[in-house]
N, C-alpha and C. Protein backbone atom coordinates (compact mmCIF):
# COMPACT_ATOMS: atom_id res chain seq x y z
N MET A 1 -7.22 15.89 -11.56
CA MET A 1 -6.00 14.78 -10.49
C MET A 1 -6.41 15.30 -9.18
N ALA A 2 -7.20 16.12 -8.86
CA ALA A 2 -7.73 16.48 -7.50
C ALA A 2 -8.90 15.04 -7.30
N ALA A 3 -9.73 15.08 -8.23
CA ALA A 3 -10.54 13.86 -7.51
C ALA A 3 -9.83 12.75 -7.27
N ALA A 4 -8.76 11.95 -8.02
CA ALA A 4 -8.12 10.71 -7.61
C ALA A 4 -7.04 11.09 -6.60
N TYR A 5 -6.96 12.29 -6.37
CA TYR A 5 -5.80 12.81 -5.38
C TYR A 5 -6.97 12.45 -3.72
N LEU A 6 -7.93 12.73 -3.89
CA LEU A 6 -9.09 12.78 -2.64
C LEU A 6 -9.52 11.47 -2.84
N ASP A 7 -9.89 10.47 -4.01
CA ASP A 7 -9.92 9.04 -3.80
C ASP A 7 -11.74 8.86 -4.16
N PHE A 8 -11.80 10.14 -4.93
CA PHE A 8 -12.89 10.01 -5.86
C PHE A 8 -13.69 9.17 -6.72
N GLY A 9 -14.37 8.90 -7.46
CA GLY A 9 -14.34 8.02 -8.26
C GLY A 9 -14.06 8.98 -9.84
N ASP A 10 -14.68 10.12 -9.59
CA ASP A 10 -14.47 10.66 -11.15
C ASP A 10 -14.88 12.31 -10.38
N THR A 11 -14.79 12.99 -11.69
CA THR A 11 -15.19 14.41 -11.21
C THR A 11 -16.08 14.94 -10.77
N SER A 12 -16.99 14.39 -11.39
CA SER A 12 -18.62 14.46 -11.00
C SER A 12 -18.91 14.16 -9.49
N GLU A 13 -18.33 13.15 -9.04
CA GLU A 13 -18.49 12.38 -7.67
C GLU A 13 -17.86 13.93 -6.68
N LEU A 14 -16.44 14.28 -7.44
CA LEU A 14 -15.98 15.59 -6.47
C LEU A 14 -16.57 16.68 -6.34
N MET A 15 -17.43 16.76 -7.55
CA MET A 15 -18.42 18.12 -7.26
C MET A 15 -19.39 18.15 -6.68
N ARG A 16 -20.19 16.87 -6.50
CA ARG A 16 -20.80 16.94 -5.69
C ARG A 16 -20.51 16.91 -4.56
N ALA A 17 -19.54 16.40 -3.57
CA ALA A 17 -19.35 16.41 -2.47
C ALA A 17 -18.65 17.92 -2.17
N ILE A 18 -18.10 18.45 -3.05
CA ILE A 18 -18.01 20.15 -3.21
C ILE A 18 -19.04 20.59 -2.50
N SER A 19 -20.35 20.36 -3.48
CA SER A 19 -21.49 20.63 -3.16
C SER A 19 -22.33 20.85 -1.72
N ARG A 20 -22.04 19.33 -1.02
CA ARG A 20 -22.48 18.94 0.14
C ARG A 20 -21.48 19.83 1.24
N GLY A 21 -20.18 20.18 0.89
CA GLY A 21 -19.40 20.50 2.21
C GLY A 21 -18.58 19.52 2.48
N ASP A 22 -18.73 17.93 1.67
CA ASP A 22 -17.79 17.22 2.07
C ASP A 22 -16.64 16.97 1.22
N ALA A 23 -15.90 17.89 0.22
CA ALA A 23 -14.79 18.12 -0.03
C ALA A 23 -14.17 19.77 0.04
N PRO A 24 -12.94 19.72 0.13
CA PRO A 24 -12.56 21.02 -0.26
C PRO A 24 -12.74 22.01 -1.70
N PRO A 25 -13.62 22.90 -1.66
CA PRO A 25 -13.51 23.66 -2.73
C PRO A 25 -12.07 23.72 -3.90
N PRO A 26 -12.66 24.63 -4.88
CA PRO A 26 -10.79 24.89 -5.69
C PRO A 26 -10.23 26.50 -5.01
N ILE A 27 -9.39 26.73 -4.65
CA ILE A 27 -8.97 28.03 -4.35
C ILE A 27 -8.99 29.26 -5.19
N GLY A 28 -9.00 28.62 -6.42
CA GLY A 28 -9.11 29.72 -7.90
C GLY A 28 -9.51 28.98 -8.96
N PHE A 29 -8.86 29.48 -10.26
CA PHE A 29 -9.28 28.87 -11.62
C PHE A 29 -8.61 29.71 -12.22
N ARG A 30 -7.87 28.76 -13.48
CA ARG A 30 -6.79 28.80 -14.05
C ARG A 30 -7.68 28.91 -15.53
N GLY A 31 -7.13 30.02 -16.49
CA GLY A 31 -7.40 30.02 -17.62
C GLY A 31 -8.86 31.23 -17.73
N THR A 32 -9.46 31.32 -18.85
CA THR A 32 -10.76 31.49 -19.28
C THR A 32 -11.39 30.88 -20.15
N GLY A 33 -12.95 31.40 -20.34
CA GLY A 33 -13.98 30.93 -21.22
C GLY A 33 -14.15 29.59 -20.56
N ARG A 34 -14.08 28.69 -22.04
CA ARG A 34 -14.16 27.01 -22.03
C ARG A 34 -13.06 26.42 -21.28
N LEU A 35 -12.00 27.07 -21.22
CA LEU A 35 -10.91 26.66 -20.65
C LEU A 35 -10.42 26.70 -19.52
N ARG A 36 -11.27 27.31 -18.50
CA ARG A 36 -11.12 27.35 -17.45
C ARG A 36 -11.21 26.28 -16.65
N GLN A 37 -10.05 26.39 -15.73
CA GLN A 37 -10.05 24.87 -14.93
C GLN A 37 -9.81 25.46 -13.63
N PRO A 38 -10.27 24.30 -12.64
CA PRO A 38 -10.31 24.68 -10.93
C PRO A 38 -8.97 24.49 -10.73
N VAL A 39 -8.52 25.22 -9.27
CA VAL A 39 -6.81 24.67 -8.61
C VAL A 39 -7.60 24.73 -7.65
N TRP A 40 -6.74 23.38 -7.08
CA TRP A 40 -6.62 22.80 -5.66
C TRP A 40 -5.38 23.34 -4.17
N SER A 41 -5.55 23.67 -3.75
CA SER A 41 -3.91 24.09 -2.96
C SER A 41 -3.92 22.77 -2.01
N LYS A 42 -2.75 21.87 -2.50
CA LYS A 42 -2.46 20.50 -2.12
C LYS A 42 -2.48 20.71 -0.84
N ALA A 43 -1.98 22.08 -0.04
CA ALA A 43 -2.01 21.90 1.61
C ALA A 43 -3.46 21.66 2.24
N THR A 44 -4.34 22.43 1.18
CA THR A 44 -5.84 21.77 1.91
C THR A 44 -6.03 20.72 1.68
N MET A 45 -5.62 19.96 0.20
CA MET A 45 -6.41 18.50 0.39
C MET A 45 -5.53 17.38 0.95
N ASP A 46 -4.07 17.87 1.56
CA ASP A 46 -3.71 16.90 2.49
C ASP A 46 -4.19 17.47 3.70
N HIS A 47 -4.74 17.96 4.17
CA HIS A 47 -5.30 18.41 5.56
C HIS A 47 -7.00 17.78 5.71
N PHE A 48 -7.46 17.73 4.54
CA PHE A 48 -8.78 17.33 4.10
C PHE A 48 -8.86 15.74 4.02
N ALA A 49 -7.89 15.36 3.64
CA ALA A 49 -7.56 13.87 3.56
C ALA A 49 -6.61 13.31 4.89
N ALA A 50 -6.11 13.95 5.48
CA ALA A 50 -5.83 13.80 7.20
C ALA A 50 -7.03 13.66 7.75
N SER A 51 -7.87 14.40 7.44
CA SER A 51 -9.38 14.69 8.52
C SER A 51 -10.31 13.77 8.45
N ILE A 52 -9.86 12.80 7.29
CA ILE A 52 -11.02 11.80 7.15
C ILE A 52 -11.37 10.97 7.75
N GLY A 53 -12.45 10.34 8.60
CA GLY A 53 -12.07 9.19 9.48
C GLY A 53 -11.43 9.53 10.86
N LYS A 54 -11.49 10.52 11.26
CA LYS A 54 -10.65 11.03 12.53
C LYS A 54 -12.06 10.85 13.38
N GLY A 55 -13.26 10.95 13.04
CA GLY A 55 -14.22 11.32 13.90
C GLY A 55 -15.23 9.70 14.46
N ASP A 56 -14.49 8.90 13.54
CA ASP A 56 -14.96 7.58 13.95
C ASP A 56 -14.24 6.58 14.73
N LEU A 57 -13.15 7.32 15.20
CA LEU A 57 -12.38 6.38 16.34
C LEU A 57 -12.68 7.46 17.77
N LYS A 58 -12.89 6.68 19.27
CA LYS A 58 -12.99 7.64 20.13
C LYS A 58 -11.64 7.72 20.36
N GLN A 59 -11.67 9.24 21.43
CA GLN A 59 -10.64 9.48 21.97
C GLN A 59 -9.64 8.40 22.58
N GLY A 60 -8.08 8.69 22.12
CA GLY A 60 -7.44 7.73 23.08
C GLY A 60 -7.28 6.60 22.20
N GLU A 61 -8.47 6.10 21.16
CA GLU A 61 -8.70 4.69 20.85
C GLU A 61 -7.61 4.73 19.36
N ASP A 62 -6.58 3.50 19.05
CA ASP A 62 -6.16 3.30 18.30
C ASP A 62 -6.17 2.22 17.21
N LEU A 63 -6.30 2.26 15.81
CA LEU A 63 -6.25 0.73 15.11
C LEU A 63 -5.87 -0.27 15.35
N LEU A 64 -4.63 -0.51 16.35
CA LEU A 64 -4.02 -1.59 16.67
C LEU A 64 -5.39 -2.28 17.89
N CYS A 65 -6.26 -1.62 18.19
CA CYS A 65 -6.81 -2.45 19.45
C CYS A 65 -8.27 -2.60 18.86
N LEU A 66 -8.41 -1.92 17.24
CA LEU A 66 -9.15 -2.82 16.67
C LEU A 66 -9.51 -3.95 15.68
N VAL A 67 -7.90 -4.63 15.52
CA VAL A 67 -7.50 -5.87 15.37
C VAL A 67 -8.02 -6.98 15.90
């Protein structure tokens, strides 16, 4: 669900982005052994999603001026 929420094609793509530092890592893990699953903070994912693309616009520029 985290991969879909952050708009990655699949979990492998999300894991590669995490290893490059392009996506937030999980905050912990749930379960043990083979059933161990990563857990993400929704607030961290929301902050990451909100920050995507902010560097693409010049300061003071908004999307309406690009249309």
